[in-house]
Amino acid sequence: MMPAYFWWIFIFIALERIVELIIAKRNEKWMLERGGVEWGREHYKWFIVVHLLFFLSILTEVSIRDNSSFVMNNYVFALFLLTQAARVWCIQSLGPFWNTKIIILPDRSLISRGPYKYVKHPNYIIVGIELFIIPILFGAYFTAILFPILHISLMTVRIPIENKALAELKKGT
């Protein structure tokens, strides 16, 4: 049987992702109405697949494990909370330009506030950390190893596409 805290945290994360998808869809519509151009559409489906499998993997791994002696680590939980705050910081910093897709709005400057002032792709770093921290929080060690590797694999495709799109944006300003 899964500990009660598992369900509270798991549902929180799932709801958070649903809210983010709603925000992303709203921002996508806003950007496309203003002439935004989507890049890398071909690989986007793999993000959906990997993130759905991430949740299924955690559920599977936690449900087949003996949870009777498992205790949540408060330090790992604190790291989880920090990643959530950093995630919100990224979304707020980009405002209507934040999206789960690569959409570039021509004739706009690159955002260089919040974490984007210090790092080029902070959201991808945070997601990579989350894909490790969240499973560790639940003792899902297989998931904690596999999904950061899958994330890095996706980033080897996505980041070059996004960098090219951002370079095009910079040329236009």
N, C-alpha and C. Protein backbone atom coordinates (compact mmCIF):
# COMPACT_ATOMS: atom_id res chain seq x y z
N MET A 1 0.84 -1.19 0.00
CA MET A 1 0.00 0.00 0.00
C MET A 1 0.89 1.25 0.00
N MET A 2 0.51 2.22 -0.82
CA MET A 2 1.29 3.46 -0.92
C MET A 2 0.98 4.36 0.28
N PRO A 3 2.00 5.02 0.81
CA PRO A 3 1.76 5.94 1.93
C PRO A 3 0.85 7.10 1.49
N ALA A 4 0.11 7.63 2.44
CA ALA A 4 -0.85 8.71 2.14
C ALA A 4 -0.16 9.92 1.53
N TYR A 5 1.02 10.26 2.02
CA TYR A 5 1.71 11.44 1.48
C TYR A 5 2.00 11.27 0.00
N PHE A 6 2.23 10.02 -0.43
CA PHE A 6 2.49 9.77 -1.85
C PHE A 6 1.36 10.34 -2.69
N TRP A 7 0.13 10.00 -2.32
CA TRP A 7 -1.01 10.45 -3.14
C TRP A 7 -1.16 11.96 -3.13
N TRP A 8 -0.94 12.60 -1.98
CA TRP A 8 -1.05 14.06 -1.91
C TRP A 8 -0.04 14.73 -2.83
N ILE A 9 1.19 14.27 -2.76
CA ILE A 9 2.25 14.87 -3.59
C ILE A 9 2.05 14.52 -5.06
N PHE A 10 1.72 13.26 -5.33
CA PHE A 10 1.52 12.82 -6.71
C PHE A 10 0.38 13.60 -7.37
N ILE A 11 -0.73 13.75 -6.66
CA ILE A 11 -1.88 14.51 -7.21
C ILE A 11 -1.51 15.97 -7.39
N PHE A 12 -0.77 16.53 -6.43
CA PHE A 12 -0.31 17.92 -6.57
C PHE A 12 0.50 18.09 -7.86
N ILE A 13 1.45 17.18 -8.09
CA ILE A 13 2.30 17.27 -9.28
C ILE A 13 1.47 17.13 -10.55
N ALA A 14 0.55 16.18 -10.56
CA ALA A 14 -0.31 15.97 -11.73
C ALA A 14 -1.17 17.20 -12.00
N LEU A 15 -1.75 17.78 -10.96
CA LEU A 15 -2.56 18.99 -11.13
C LEU A 15 -1.71 20.17 -11.59
N GLU A 16 -0.51 20.26 -11.05
CA GLU A 16 0.42 21.32 -11.45
C GLU A 16 0.70 21.22 -12.96
N ARG A 17 0.94 20.00 -13.42
CA ARG A 17 1.22 19.80 -14.86
C ARG A 17 0.01 20.14 -15.72
N ILE A 18 -1.17 19.81 -15.24
CA ILE A 18 -2.40 20.15 -15.99
C ILE A 18 -2.56 21.66 -16.08
N VAL A 19 -2.34 22.37 -14.98
CA VAL A 19 -2.41 23.84 -14.98
C VAL A 19 -1.37 24.41 -15.94
N GLU A 20 -0.17 23.85 -15.93
CA GLU A 20 0.88 24.32 -16.84
C GLU A 20 0.48 24.11 -18.30
N LEU A 21 -0.15 22.98 -18.60
CA LEU A 21 -0.59 22.74 -19.98
C LEU A 21 -1.67 23.75 -20.39
N ILE A 22 -2.53 24.12 -19.46
CA ILE A 22 -3.56 25.13 -19.73
C ILE A 22 -2.88 26.48 -20.00
N ILE A 23 -1.91 26.84 -19.17
CA ILE A 23 -1.17 28.09 -19.36
C ILE A 23 -0.44 28.06 -20.71
N ALA A 24 0.21 26.93 -21.01
CA ALA A 24 0.94 26.80 -22.28
C ALA A 24 0.00 26.95 -23.47
N LYS A 25 -1.17 26.34 -23.39
CA LYS A 25 -2.13 26.43 -24.50
C LYS A 25 -2.61 27.87 -24.68
N ARG A 26 -2.87 28.55 -23.58
CA ARG A 26 -3.29 29.95 -23.63
C ARG A 26 -2.18 30.81 -24.23
N ASN A 27 -0.93 30.58 -23.79
CA ASN A 27 0.21 31.33 -24.31
C ASN A 27 0.47 31.02 -25.78
N GLU A 28 0.29 29.76 -26.15
CA GLU A 28 0.45 29.36 -27.56
C GLU A 28 -0.54 30.14 -28.43
N LYS A 29 -1.77 30.18 -28.01
CA LYS A 29 -2.81 30.90 -28.77
C LYS A 29 -2.44 32.38 -28.88
N TRP A 30 -2.02 32.98 -27.78
CA TRP A 30 -1.65 34.39 -27.75
C TRP A 30 -0.50 34.66 -28.72
N MET A 31 0.51 33.78 -28.70
CA MET A 31 1.68 33.98 -29.56
C MET A 31 1.34 33.76 -31.03
N LEU A 32 0.58 32.73 -31.32
CA LEU A 32 0.22 32.45 -32.72
C LEU A 32 -0.64 33.57 -33.30
N GLU A 33 -1.52 34.15 -32.48
CA GLU A 33 -2.35 35.27 -32.93
C GLU A 33 -1.49 36.49 -33.28
N ARG A 34 -0.30 36.58 -32.72
CA ARG A 34 0.59 37.71 -32.97
C ARG A 34 1.72 37.37 -33.95
N GLY A 35 1.54 36.26 -34.66
CA GLY A 35 2.51 35.89 -35.68
C GLY A 35 3.60 34.94 -35.22
N GLY A 36 3.40 34.29 -34.07
CA GLY A 36 4.38 33.34 -33.57
C GLY A 36 4.55 32.17 -34.53
N VAL A 37 5.76 31.63 -34.52
CA VAL A 37 6.10 30.51 -35.40
C VAL A 37 6.57 29.35 -34.54
N GLU A 38 5.98 28.17 -34.76
CA GLU A 38 6.37 26.99 -33.99
C GLU A 38 7.54 26.29 -34.68
N TRP A 39 8.50 25.87 -33.87
CA TRP A 39 9.67 25.12 -34.33
C TRP A 39 9.67 23.76 -33.65
N GLY A 40 10.24 22.76 -34.32
CA GLY A 40 10.45 21.45 -33.70
C GLY A 40 9.20 20.66 -33.40
N ARG A 41 8.18 20.87 -34.18
CA ARG A 41 6.91 20.18 -33.95
C ARG A 41 7.07 18.65 -33.96
N GLU A 42 8.01 18.15 -34.77
CA GLU A 42 8.18 16.71 -34.96
C GLU A 42 8.57 15.98 -33.67
N HIS A 43 9.36 16.61 -32.84
CA HIS A 43 9.83 15.92 -31.63
C HIS A 43 8.94 16.16 -30.42
N TYR A 44 8.00 17.06 -30.50
CA TYR A 44 7.19 17.42 -29.33
C TYR A 44 6.43 16.22 -28.77
N LYS A 45 5.94 15.35 -29.64
CA LYS A 45 5.17 14.18 -29.18
C LYS A 45 5.98 13.32 -28.22
N TRP A 46 7.31 13.32 -28.40
CA TRP A 46 8.16 12.50 -27.53
C TRP A 46 8.22 13.07 -26.11
N PHE A 47 8.06 14.37 -25.97
CA PHE A 47 7.97 14.97 -24.62
C PHE A 47 6.71 14.48 -23.92
N ILE A 48 5.62 14.44 -24.66
CA ILE A 48 4.36 13.97 -24.10
C ILE A 48 4.50 12.51 -23.66
N VAL A 49 5.06 11.69 -24.54
CA VAL A 49 5.23 10.27 -24.24
C VAL A 49 6.12 10.07 -23.00
N VAL A 50 7.27 10.74 -22.98
CA VAL A 50 8.20 10.57 -21.86
C VAL A 50 7.56 11.02 -20.55
N HIS A 51 6.87 12.14 -20.55
CA HIS A 51 6.28 12.63 -19.30
C HIS A 51 5.11 11.78 -18.83
N LEU A 52 4.33 11.25 -19.75
CA LEU A 52 3.27 10.32 -19.34
C LEU A 52 3.88 9.03 -18.78
N LEU A 53 4.89 8.52 -19.45
CA LEU A 53 5.56 7.30 -18.97
C LEU A 53 6.23 7.53 -17.62
N PHE A 54 6.70 8.74 -17.38
CA PHE A 54 7.30 9.10 -16.09
C PHE A 54 6.30 8.87 -14.96
N PHE A 55 5.10 9.40 -15.13
CA PHE A 55 4.07 9.23 -14.09
C PHE A 55 3.67 7.76 -13.94
N LEU A 56 3.52 7.08 -15.06
CA LEU A 56 3.17 5.65 -15.00
C LEU A 56 4.28 4.83 -14.35
N SER A 57 5.52 5.17 -14.63
CA SER A 57 6.65 4.47 -14.05
C SER A 57 6.69 4.64 -12.54
N ILE A 58 6.47 5.84 -12.08
CA ILE A 58 6.44 6.08 -10.62
C ILE A 58 5.32 5.26 -9.99
N LEU A 59 4.13 5.34 -10.57
CA LEU A 59 2.99 4.59 -10.02
C LEU A 59 3.29 3.10 -9.98
N THR A 60 3.84 2.58 -11.06
CA THR A 60 4.14 1.15 -11.13
C THR A 60 5.21 0.77 -10.12
N GLU A 61 6.28 1.52 -10.10
CA GLU A 61 7.39 1.18 -9.21
C GLU A 61 6.99 1.27 -7.74
N VAL A 62 6.26 2.29 -7.38
CA VAL A 62 5.85 2.44 -5.98
C VAL A 62 4.82 1.37 -5.61
N SER A 63 3.94 1.02 -6.54
CA SER A 63 2.90 0.04 -6.21
C SER A 63 3.44 -1.38 -6.06
N ILE A 64 4.55 -1.70 -6.74
CA ILE A 64 5.09 -3.07 -6.62
C ILE A 64 6.12 -3.21 -5.50
N ARG A 65 6.52 -2.10 -4.93
CA ARG A 65 7.51 -2.12 -3.87
C ARG A 65 6.82 -2.29 -2.51
N ASP A 66 7.52 -2.88 -1.56
CA ASP A 66 7.02 -2.97 -0.19
C ASP A 66 7.22 -1.61 0.47
N ASN A 67 6.14 -0.93 0.72
CA ASN A 67 6.20 0.43 1.27
C ASN A 67 6.11 0.48 2.79
N SER A 68 6.02 -0.66 3.43
CA SER A 68 5.77 -0.67 4.87
C SER A 68 6.87 0.02 5.68
N SER A 69 8.11 -0.01 5.19
CA SER A 69 9.20 0.60 5.95
C SER A 69 9.74 1.88 5.30
N PHE A 70 9.10 2.32 4.24
CA PHE A 70 9.61 3.50 3.53
C PHE A 70 9.23 4.78 4.28
N VAL A 71 10.21 5.66 4.46
CA VAL A 71 9.99 6.94 5.13
C VAL A 71 10.49 8.04 4.19
N MET A 72 9.67 9.06 4.03
CA MET A 72 10.06 10.16 3.15
C MET A 72 11.23 10.94 3.76
N ASN A 73 12.20 11.27 2.94
CA ASN A 73 13.36 12.04 3.36
C ASN A 73 13.01 13.53 3.28
N ASN A 74 13.09 14.23 4.40
CA ASN A 74 12.72 15.64 4.44
C ASN A 74 13.65 16.54 3.62
N TYR A 75 14.91 16.14 3.49
CA TYR A 75 15.85 16.91 2.67
C TYR A 75 15.48 16.81 1.19
N VAL A 76 15.11 15.62 0.78
CA VAL A 76 14.69 15.43 -0.61
C VAL A 76 13.39 16.20 -0.85
N PHE A 77 12.50 16.18 0.13
CA PHE A 77 11.25 16.93 0.00
C PHE A 77 11.53 18.43 -0.11
N ALA A 78 12.50 18.93 0.65
CA ALA A 78 12.89 20.34 0.56
C ALA A 78 13.43 20.66 -0.83
N LEU A 79 14.23 19.76 -1.39
CA LEU A 79 14.73 19.95 -2.77
C LEU A 79 13.58 19.95 -3.77
N PHE A 80 12.62 19.08 -3.55
CA PHE A 80 11.42 19.05 -4.40
C PHE A 80 10.71 20.40 -4.35
N LEU A 81 10.53 20.95 -3.16
CA LEU A 81 9.85 22.25 -3.02
C LEU A 81 10.65 23.35 -3.71
N LEU A 82 11.98 23.30 -3.60
CA LEU A 82 12.82 24.29 -4.28
C LEU A 82 12.67 24.20 -5.80
N THR A 83 12.60 22.98 -6.32
CA THR A 83 12.43 22.85 -7.78
C THR A 83 11.07 23.37 -8.21
N GLN A 84 10.07 23.21 -7.37
CA GLN A 84 8.75 23.73 -7.72
C GLN A 84 8.76 25.26 -7.75
N ALA A 85 9.44 25.85 -6.78
CA ALA A 85 9.56 27.31 -6.76
C ALA A 85 10.34 27.79 -7.98
N ALA A 86 11.41 27.10 -8.33
CA ALA A 86 12.21 27.47 -9.50
C ALA A 86 11.39 27.33 -10.79
N ARG A 87 10.56 26.31 -10.84
CA ARG A 87 9.68 26.08 -12.00
C ARG A 87 8.73 27.27 -12.18
N VAL A 88 8.12 27.69 -11.08
CA VAL A 88 7.20 28.84 -11.12
C VAL A 88 7.96 30.10 -11.51
N TRP A 89 9.16 30.27 -11.01
CA TRP A 89 10.00 31.42 -11.35
C TRP A 89 10.25 31.48 -12.86
N CYS A 90 10.54 30.34 -13.46
CA CYS A 90 10.76 30.29 -14.93
C CYS A 90 9.49 30.72 -15.67
N ILE A 91 8.37 30.15 -15.27
CA ILE A 91 7.10 30.43 -15.96
C ILE A 91 6.74 31.91 -15.81
N GLN A 92 6.89 32.44 -14.61
CA GLN A 92 6.56 33.85 -14.38
C GLN A 92 7.52 34.77 -15.11
N SER A 93 8.77 34.40 -15.18
CA SER A 93 9.77 35.24 -15.86
C SER A 93 9.48 35.37 -17.35
N LEU A 94 9.04 34.30 -17.97
CA LEU A 94 8.72 34.35 -19.40
C LEU A 94 7.33 34.90 -19.68
N GLY A 95 6.46 34.88 -18.67
CA GLY A 95 5.11 35.41 -18.85
C GLY A 95 4.41 34.74 -20.02
N PRO A 96 3.82 35.52 -20.92
CA PRO A 96 3.06 34.92 -22.03
C PRO A 96 3.94 34.22 -23.06
N PHE A 97 5.25 34.31 -22.92
CA PHE A 97 6.17 33.64 -23.85
C PHE A 97 6.53 32.23 -23.38
N TRP A 98 6.15 31.87 -22.14
CA TRP A 98 6.45 30.52 -21.65
C TRP A 98 5.55 29.52 -22.36
N ASN A 99 6.15 28.40 -22.74
CA ASN A 99 5.37 27.37 -23.43
C ASN A 99 6.09 26.04 -23.33
N THR A 100 5.33 24.97 -23.52
CA THR A 100 5.93 23.64 -23.58
C THR A 100 6.42 23.34 -25.00
N LYS A 101 6.02 24.16 -25.93
CA LYS A 101 6.46 24.04 -27.32
C LYS A 101 7.49 25.13 -27.59
N ILE A 102 8.17 25.01 -28.72
CA ILE A 102 9.09 26.07 -29.13
C ILE A 102 8.31 26.97 -30.09
N ILE A 103 7.90 28.12 -29.57
CA ILE A 103 7.17 29.10 -30.39
C ILE A 103 7.92 30.42 -30.27
N ILE A 104 8.31 30.94 -31.40
CA ILE A 104 9.07 32.18 -31.44
C ILE A 104 8.18 33.27 -32.01
N LEU A 105 8.16 34.38 -31.32
CA LEU A 105 7.40 35.53 -31.77
C LEU A 105 8.37 36.54 -32.37
N PRO A 106 8.33 36.67 -33.71
CA PRO A 106 9.27 37.59 -34.37
C PRO A 106 9.16 39.02 -33.84
N ASP A 107 10.23 39.75 -33.98
CA ASP A 107 10.28 41.17 -33.59
C ASP A 107 10.13 41.37 -32.08
N ARG A 108 10.50 40.38 -31.31
CA ARG A 108 10.49 40.51 -29.85
C ARG A 108 11.89 40.22 -29.34
N SER A 109 12.25 40.85 -28.26
CA SER A 109 13.56 40.63 -27.65
C SER A 109 13.54 39.36 -26.82
N LEU A 110 14.71 38.76 -26.67
CA LEU A 110 14.83 37.60 -25.79
C LEU A 110 14.58 38.04 -24.35
N ILE A 111 13.96 37.19 -23.59
CA ILE A 111 13.72 37.47 -22.18
C ILE A 111 15.04 37.24 -21.44
N SER A 112 15.43 38.21 -20.64
CA SER A 112 16.68 38.09 -19.89
C SER A 112 16.47 38.51 -18.43
N ARG A 113 15.35 38.10 -17.89
CA ARG A 113 15.09 38.37 -16.47
C ARG A 113 14.86 37.04 -15.75
N GLY A 114 14.78 37.10 -14.44
CA GLY A 114 14.61 35.87 -13.66
C GLY A 114 15.79 34.95 -13.88
N PRO A 115 15.55 33.65 -13.91
CA PRO A 115 16.67 32.72 -14.09
C PRO A 115 17.28 32.82 -15.48
N TYR A 116 16.55 33.38 -16.44
CA TYR A 116 17.06 33.53 -17.81
C TYR A 116 18.17 34.58 -17.89
N LYS A 117 18.32 35.35 -16.83
CA LYS A 117 19.41 36.32 -16.72
C LYS A 117 20.74 35.59 -16.48
N TYR A 118 20.66 34.39 -15.91
CA TYR A 118 21.86 33.66 -15.51
C TYR A 118 22.15 32.41 -16.35
N VAL A 119 21.10 31.78 -16.87
CA VAL A 119 21.23 30.51 -17.58
C VAL A 119 20.34 30.56 -18.82
N LYS A 120 20.81 29.95 -19.90
CA LYS A 120 20.06 30.01 -21.15
C LYS A 120 18.75 29.19 -21.13
N HIS A 121 18.77 27.99 -20.58
CA HIS A 121 17.59 27.13 -20.57
C HIS A 121 17.30 26.61 -19.15
N PRO A 122 16.99 27.50 -18.22
CA PRO A 122 16.82 27.05 -16.83
C PRO A 122 15.68 26.05 -16.64
N ASN A 123 14.62 26.19 -17.39
CA ASN A 123 13.48 25.29 -17.22
C ASN A 123 13.87 23.85 -17.52
N TYR A 124 14.72 23.64 -18.53
CA TYR A 124 15.15 22.28 -18.87
C TYR A 124 16.02 21.68 -17.78
N ILE A 125 16.82 22.52 -17.14
CA ILE A 125 17.65 22.06 -16.02
C ILE A 125 16.74 21.64 -14.87
N ILE A 126 15.75 22.46 -14.58
CA ILE A 126 14.83 22.18 -13.48
C ILE A 126 14.05 20.90 -13.74
N VAL A 127 13.56 20.72 -14.96
CA VAL A 127 12.83 19.49 -15.29
C VAL A 127 13.74 18.28 -15.12
N GLY A 128 14.98 18.38 -15.56
CA GLY A 128 15.92 17.28 -15.38
C GLY A 128 16.12 16.93 -13.91
N ILE A 129 16.23 17.96 -13.07
CA ILE A 129 16.37 17.73 -11.62
C ILE A 129 15.10 17.08 -11.07
N GLU A 130 13.95 17.59 -11.49
CA GLU A 130 12.68 17.02 -11.03
C GLU A 130 12.54 15.55 -11.40
N LEU A 131 12.96 15.20 -12.61
CA LEU A 131 12.82 13.81 -13.07
C LEU A 131 13.70 12.87 -12.24
N PHE A 132 14.62 13.44 -11.49
CA PHE A 132 15.43 12.66 -10.55
C PHE A 132 14.86 12.75 -9.13
N ILE A 133 14.56 13.97 -8.68
CA ILE A 133 14.13 14.22 -7.30
C ILE A 133 12.76 13.59 -7.00
N ILE A 134 11.80 13.75 -7.89
CA ILE A 134 10.45 13.25 -7.61
C ILE A 134 10.46 11.74 -7.38
N PRO A 135 11.06 10.95 -8.26
CA PRO A 135 11.08 9.50 -7.97
C PRO A 135 11.86 9.15 -6.70
N ILE A 136 12.97 9.87 -6.45
CA ILE A 136 13.75 9.61 -5.23
C ILE A 136 12.87 9.87 -4.00
N LEU A 137 12.05 10.90 -4.07
CA LEU A 137 11.14 11.23 -2.98
C LEU A 137 10.26 10.04 -2.61
N PHE A 138 9.91 9.23 -3.62
CA PHE A 138 9.02 8.09 -3.41
C PHE A 138 9.76 6.75 -3.37
N GLY A 139 11.07 6.79 -3.47
CA GLY A 139 11.84 5.54 -3.47
C GLY A 139 11.74 4.78 -4.78
N ALA A 140 11.41 5.49 -5.86
CA ALA A 140 11.30 4.87 -7.19
C ALA A 140 12.64 5.05 -7.90
N TYR A 141 13.61 4.25 -7.53
CA TYR A 141 14.99 4.44 -7.97
C TYR A 141 15.22 4.13 -9.45
N PHE A 142 14.53 3.14 -9.98
CA PHE A 142 14.64 2.84 -11.40
C PHE A 142 14.18 4.04 -12.23
N THR A 143 13.04 4.62 -11.85
CA THR A 143 12.50 5.79 -12.53
C THR A 143 13.47 6.98 -12.41
N ALA A 144 14.09 7.11 -11.24
CA ALA A 144 15.03 8.21 -10.99
C ALA A 144 16.27 8.13 -11.87
N ILE A 145 16.62 6.94 -12.29
CA ILE A 145 17.78 6.77 -13.18
C ILE A 145 17.37 6.91 -14.64
N LEU A 146 16.27 6.24 -15.01
CA LEU A 146 15.87 6.18 -16.41
C LEU A 146 15.42 7.52 -16.98
N PHE A 147 14.57 8.25 -16.27
CA PHE A 147 13.95 9.42 -16.88
C PHE A 147 14.85 10.65 -17.03
N PRO A 148 15.80 10.88 -16.14
CA PRO A 148 16.77 11.94 -16.45
C PRO A 148 17.58 11.62 -17.72
N ILE A 149 17.88 10.34 -17.93
CA ILE A 149 18.61 9.95 -19.15
C ILE A 149 17.73 10.22 -20.38
N LEU A 150 16.46 9.87 -20.30
CA LEU A 150 15.55 10.15 -21.41
C LEU A 150 15.42 11.66 -21.64
N HIS A 151 15.38 12.41 -20.56
CA HIS A 151 15.29 13.88 -20.66
C HIS A 151 16.52 14.45 -21.38
N ILE A 152 17.68 13.98 -20.99
CA ILE A 152 18.92 14.45 -21.63
C ILE A 152 18.89 14.09 -23.12
N SER A 153 18.40 12.90 -23.44
CA SER A 153 18.28 12.50 -24.85
C SER A 153 17.37 13.45 -25.62
N LEU A 154 16.25 13.80 -25.03
CA LEU A 154 15.34 14.75 -25.68
C LEU A 154 15.98 16.13 -25.81
N MET A 155 16.74 16.52 -24.82
CA MET A 155 17.38 17.84 -24.86
C MET A 155 18.43 17.93 -25.97
N THR A 156 19.05 16.80 -26.33
CA THR A 156 20.04 16.82 -27.42
C THR A 156 19.37 17.14 -28.76
N VAL A 157 18.07 16.94 -28.82
CA VAL A 157 17.31 17.30 -30.02
C VAL A 157 16.72 18.70 -29.86
N ARG A 158 16.09 18.93 -28.72
CA ARG A 158 15.32 20.17 -28.53
C ARG A 158 16.19 21.43 -28.42
N ILE A 159 17.24 21.37 -27.63
CA ILE A 159 18.03 22.58 -27.40
C ILE A 159 18.64 23.12 -28.69
N PRO A 160 19.22 22.29 -29.57
CA PRO A 160 19.72 22.85 -30.84
C PRO A 160 18.61 23.50 -31.68
N ILE A 161 17.44 22.91 -31.69
CA ILE A 161 16.32 23.49 -32.44
C ILE A 161 15.92 24.83 -31.82
N GLU A 162 15.82 24.84 -30.50
CA GLU A 162 15.43 26.08 -29.82
C GLU A 162 16.50 27.15 -29.99
N ASN A 163 17.76 26.78 -29.90
CA ASN A 163 18.84 27.76 -30.10
C ASN A 163 18.79 28.35 -31.50
N LYS A 164 18.52 27.51 -32.48
CA LYS A 164 18.41 28.00 -33.86
C LYS A 164 17.24 28.96 -33.99
N ALA A 165 16.12 28.62 -33.39
CA ALA A 165 14.94 29.49 -33.42
C ALA A 165 15.23 30.81 -32.73
N LEU A 166 15.89 30.75 -31.58
CA LEU A 166 16.22 31.98 -30.84
C LEU A 166 17.23 32.83 -31.61
N ALA A 167 18.15 32.18 -32.33
CA ALA A 167 19.11 32.92 -33.16
C ALA A 167 18.38 33.65 -34.29
N GLU A 168 17.37 33.01 -34.85
CA GLU A 168 16.55 33.66 -35.88
C GLU A 168 15.82 34.86 -35.30
N LEU A 169 15.34 34.70 -34.09
CA LEU A 169 14.65 35.80 -33.41
C LEU A 169 15.60 36.97 -33.21
N LYS A 170 16.81 36.67 -32.77
CA LYS A 170 17.81 37.70 -32.52
C LYS A 170 18.17 38.45 -33.81
N LYS A 171 18.24 37.71 -34.93
CA LYS A 171 18.56 38.33 -36.21
C LYS A 171 17.49 39.35 -36.60
N GLY A 172 16.25 39.02 -36.22
CA GLY A 172 15.12 39.89 -36.61
C GLY A 172 15.00 41.14 -35.76
N THR A 173 15.71 41.18 -34.63
CA THR A 173 15.57 42.38 -33.76
C THR A 173 16.67 43.37 -33.96
